[in-house]
Amino acid sequence: MNLSRLPLTADAPTFPAATALGRTVIWLHTFGERLADAGQGDPAGPPRLPAAQRPRIPKDGAIPAAPDAMPDTITYDAPKKRLLIGTGYVENVEPAVWNYEVSGKQVLLQWFSYRKKNRERPLIGDRRPPSPLGTIQPDHWLAEYTTELLNVLNVLGLLVALEPAQATLLEKICSGQTISAEELRGAGAFELPAEPSQKARKLGANDLFASAAP
């Protein structure tokens, strides 16, 4: 069985650099809803690439909202750096953004599969057929889909830009002194706090109600 390993640096100056980078990644993964810090360049709200690098939809690339034009395909034109969604398109999309994967799955393909016209999934083995509720879906491309798409493209672009710094930092941590699992266990880092007894929980609830009484 393969176990994931998380190297923890024992170098005091390196540790805050690792946590700062980790906070930025969480900020990106949550689309600016968590760990926002304007002072560190991570403001609240959907993250954005620098203006010159941002994906954009020109007037003639607008994704049609009419039901009969609901997009069913998403492809990429590498020479033009253009993401094609049905008859619409987004410009200024880098190849690394189009190819970005998480757990072996291409993010943009996954995102689109839940918003395209035909969302049927092939049955595999004896899996139960999909619920009829799955057929309840918009019959046209929603404006919010376009907003979400631009948000996703900006986040992926920023994650791609972070990769060199992540690789450098990981190499520095792995080649330096790290904190072992034995050290963490000896320091009690793996111990879970004792759960309060049923009696203590009941008393706590009674105290709460008593304090709330007029």
Protein backbone atom coordinates (compact mmCIF):
# COMPACT_ATOMS: atom_id res chain seq x y z
CA MET A 1 0.00 0.00 0.00
CA ASN A 2 1.36 3.43 -0.95
CA LEU A 3 1.26 6.02 1.79
CA SER A 4 1.48 9.74 1.13
CA ARG A 5 4.43 11.45 2.77
CA LEU A 6 4.52 15.08 3.80
CA PRO A 7 8.07 16.31 4.44
CA LEU A 8 8.19 18.84 7.29
CA THR A 9 11.27 21.02 7.33
CA ALA A 10 13.24 21.41 10.53
CA ASP A 11 14.81 24.62 9.22
CA ALA A 12 13.22 27.57 11.02
CA PRO A 13 13.52 30.12 8.16
CA THR A 14 12.14 27.64 5.61
CA PHE A 15 9.05 26.66 7.60
CA PRO A 16 7.22 30.01 7.28
CA ALA A 17 8.03 30.06 3.56
CA ALA A 18 6.36 26.67 3.19
CA THR A 19 3.29 27.68 5.20
CA ALA A 20 2.95 30.94 3.25
CA LEU A 21 3.01 29.07 -0.05
CA GLY A 22 0.53 26.55 1.32
CA ARG A 23 -1.83 29.35 2.36
CA THR A 24 -1.71 30.76 -1.16
CA VAL A 25 -2.55 27.36 -2.64
CA ILE A 26 -5.55 27.01 -0.31
CA TRP A 27 -6.61 30.56 -1.22
CA LEU A 28 -6.53 29.56 -4.88
CA HIS A 29 -8.26 26.20 -4.39
CA THR A 30 -11.12 27.93 -2.56
CA PHE A 31 -11.39 30.74 -5.14
CA GLY A 32 -10.41 33.37 -2.59
CA GLU A 33 -12.92 32.32 0.06
CA ARG A 34 -10.36 30.99 2.55
CA LEU A 35 -7.09 32.38 3.92
CA ALA A 36 -7.42 35.67 2.06
CA ASP A 37 -4.66 38.13 2.94
CA ALA A 38 -4.54 41.31 0.87
CA GLY A 39 -1.20 42.22 2.45
CA GLN A 40 0.33 39.07 0.97
CA GLY A 41 -1.27 39.59 -2.43
CA ASP A 42 -4.13 37.16 -1.78
CA PRO A 43 -7.23 39.38 -1.50
CA ALA A 44 -10.72 38.07 -0.83
CA GLY A 45 -12.72 37.27 -3.94
CA PRO A 46 -12.01 35.34 -7.14
CA PRO A 47 -8.24 35.34 -7.81
CA ARG A 48 -7.05 37.04 -10.98
CA LEU A 49 -3.96 36.75 -13.14
CA PRO A 50 -2.12 39.95 -14.11
CA ALA A 51 -4.19 41.89 -16.66
CA ALA A 52 -1.99 40.97 -19.64
CA GLN A 53 -2.21 37.26 -18.83
CA ARG A 54 -5.92 36.98 -18.11
CA PRO A 55 -8.13 34.77 -20.28
CA ARG A 56 -10.80 36.84 -22.00
CA ILE A 57 -13.84 36.32 -24.19
CA PRO A 58 -13.97 38.73 -27.14
CA LYS A 59 -17.28 39.95 -28.50
CA ASP A 60 -17.29 37.44 -31.36
CA GLY A 61 -16.31 34.63 -28.97
CA ALA A 62 -19.35 34.91 -26.69
CA ILE A 63 -20.86 31.54 -25.80
CA PRO A 64 -24.47 31.58 -27.11
CA ALA A 65 -27.25 31.38 -24.54
CA ALA A 66 -29.92 30.03 -26.91
CA PRO A 67 -31.08 26.45 -26.15
CA ASP A 68 -30.36 25.27 -29.70
CA ALA A 69 -26.75 26.48 -29.34
CA MET A 70 -26.04 24.80 -25.98
CA PRO A 71 -22.37 23.73 -26.26
CA ASP A 72 -21.55 20.04 -26.18
CA THR A 73 -17.82 20.16 -26.94
CA ILE A 74 -14.73 21.75 -25.45
CA THR A 75 -11.44 21.71 -27.34
CA TYR A 76 -8.20 23.66 -27.48
CA ASP A 77 -6.43 25.48 -30.32
CA ALA A 78 -2.81 25.48 -29.16
CA PRO A 79 -1.35 27.84 -31.83
CA LYS A 80 -3.98 30.49 -30.99
CA LYS A 81 -4.04 29.69 -27.25
CA ARG A 82 -7.80 29.55 -27.59
CA LEU A 83 -10.25 27.46 -25.58
CA LEU A 84 -13.22 26.50 -27.76
CA ILE A 85 -16.61 25.92 -26.09
CA GLY A 86 -19.18 25.03 -28.72
CA THR A 87 -19.25 28.02 -31.08
CA GLY A 88 -17.75 30.35 -28.46
CA TYR A 89 -14.16 30.69 -27.32
CA VAL A 90 -11.83 32.11 -24.68
CA GLU A 91 -8.54 33.70 -25.71
CA ASN A 92 -5.22 33.87 -23.89
CA VAL A 93 -5.40 30.36 -22.40
CA GLU A 94 -1.97 28.81 -21.92
CA PRO A 95 -1.39 25.14 -22.89
CA ALA A 96 -0.43 24.29 -19.29
CA VAL A 97 -3.83 25.57 -18.15
CA TRP A 98 -5.66 23.40 -20.70
CA ASN A 99 -3.59 20.36 -19.70
CA TYR A 100 -3.79 20.92 -15.93
CA GLU A 101 -4.67 17.70 -14.12
CA VAL A 102 -5.66 16.73 -10.59
CA SER A 103 -5.48 13.02 -9.68
CA GLY A 104 -5.02 12.16 -13.35
CA LYS A 105 -8.14 14.01 -14.51
CA GLN A 106 -8.03 17.07 -16.76
CA VAL A 107 -9.71 19.84 -14.76
CA LEU A 108 -11.33 21.73 -17.63
CA LEU A 109 -12.78 18.57 -19.16
CA GLN A 110 -14.21 17.57 -15.80
CA TRP A 111 -15.65 21.04 -15.20
CA PHE A 112 -17.30 21.13 -18.62
CA SER A 113 -18.74 17.62 -18.36
CA TYR A 114 -21.19 18.86 -15.72
CA ARG A 115 -22.30 21.84 -17.78
CA LYS A 116 -22.48 20.65 -21.37
CA LYS A 117 -25.65 19.78 -23.26
CA ASN A 118 -25.29 16.00 -23.02
CA ARG A 119 -24.36 15.04 -19.46
CA GLU A 120 -25.09 11.33 -19.69
CA ARG A 121 -22.51 9.03 -18.15
CA PRO A 122 -21.85 5.51 -19.49
CA LEU A 123 -22.94 2.69 -17.18
CA ILE A 124 -20.03 0.60 -15.93
CA GLY A 125 -20.66 -2.96 -14.77
CA ASP A 126 -23.74 -3.44 -12.62
CA ARG A 127 -23.85 0.14 -11.41
CA ARG A 128 -27.34 1.47 -10.80
CA PRO A 129 -28.81 3.61 -13.57
CA PRO A 130 -28.63 7.37 -12.92
CA SER A 131 -31.45 9.05 -11.03
CA PRO A 132 -34.15 10.82 -13.09
CA LEU A 133 -33.22 13.92 -11.10
CA GLY A 134 -30.11 14.08 -13.28
CA THR A 135 -32.27 15.11 -16.21
CA ILE A 136 -33.34 18.27 -14.41
CA GLN A 137 -30.79 20.74 -15.71
CA PRO A 138 -30.62 24.03 -17.63
CA ASP A 139 -31.41 23.72 -21.33
CA HIS A 140 -29.08 26.59 -22.23
CA TRP A 141 -25.69 28.01 -21.33
CA LEU A 142 -26.03 30.14 -18.20
CA ALA A 143 -24.22 33.44 -17.69
CA GLU A 144 -22.92 32.05 -14.40
CA TYR A 145 -21.19 29.24 -16.31
CA THR A 146 -19.13 31.85 -18.16
CA THR A 147 -18.24 33.57 -14.89
CA GLU A 148 -17.25 30.24 -13.34
CA LEU A 149 -15.16 29.33 -16.38
CA LEU A 150 -13.17 32.56 -16.24
CA ASN A 151 -12.66 32.06 -12.49
CA VAL A 152 -11.39 28.52 -13.07
CA LEU A 153 -9.04 29.64 -15.85
CA ASN A 154 -7.55 32.38 -13.67
CA VAL A 155 -7.03 30.00 -10.76
CA LEU A 156 -5.42 27.36 -12.96
CA GLY A 157 -3.15 29.98 -14.48
CA LEU A 158 -2.03 31.11 -11.04
CA LEU A 159 -1.48 27.52 -9.91
CA VAL A 160 0.68 26.89 -12.98
CA ALA A 161 2.69 30.02 -12.17
CA LEU A 162 3.32 28.71 -8.64
CA GLU A 163 4.73 25.37 -9.78
CA PRO A 164 8.40 26.48 -10.15
CA ALA A 165 8.39 27.99 -6.65
CA GLN A 166 6.75 24.86 -5.26
CA ALA A 167 9.31 22.60 -6.92
CA THR A 168 12.23 24.70 -5.64
CA LEU A 169 10.85 24.78 -2.11
CA LEU A 170 10.13 21.05 -2.08
CA GLU A 171 13.67 20.29 -3.24
CA LYS A 172 15.07 22.53 -0.50
CA ILE A 173 12.95 20.85 2.16
CA CYS A 174 13.70 17.29 1.02
CA SER A 175 17.45 17.93 0.74
CA GLY A 176 17.61 19.54 4.20
CA GLN A 177 16.83 18.39 7.71
CA THR A 178 13.24 17.26 8.19
CA ILE A 179 11.12 16.36 11.20
CA SER A 180 10.55 12.61 11.43
CA ALA A 181 7.29 10.88 12.30
CA GLU A 182 8.98 9.52 15.43
CA GLU A 183 9.78 13.05 16.61
CA LEU A 184 6.22 14.17 15.99
CA ARG A 185 4.84 11.13 17.79
CA GLY A 186 7.14 11.75 20.73
CA ALA A 187 5.93 15.34 20.93
CA GLY A 188 2.31 14.16 21.01
CA ALA A 189 1.43 15.63 17.64
CA PHE A 190 -0.58 12.53 16.66
CA GLU A 191 -2.61 12.35 19.86
CA LEU A 192 -6.28 13.18 19.65
CA PRO A 193 -7.87 15.23 22.41
CA ALA A 194 -9.97 13.15 24.78
CA GLU A 195 -13.68 13.40 24.07
CA PRO A 196 -15.79 14.69 26.94
CA SER A 197 -17.89 12.09 28.71
CA GLN A 198 -21.63 11.87 28.10
CA LYS A 199 -22.21 13.35 31.54
CA ALA A 200 -19.91 16.29 30.81
CA ARG A 201 -21.64 16.93 27.49
CA LYS A 202 -25.03 16.87 29.22
CA LEU A 203 -23.83 19.29 31.90
CA GLY A 204 -22.40 21.55 29.23
CA ALA A 205 -25.72 21.65 27.41
CA ASN A 206 -27.60 22.37 30.64
CA ASP A 207 -25.23 25.20 31.46
CA LEU A 208 -25.81 26.65 28.00
CA PHE A 209 -29.57 26.60 28.38
CA ALA A 210 -29.31 28.00 31.89
CA SER A 211 -27.20 30.91 30.70
CA ALA A 212 -29.67 31.62 27.93
CA ALA A 213 -32.67 31.68 30.27
CA PRO A 214 -34.14 35.13 31.06
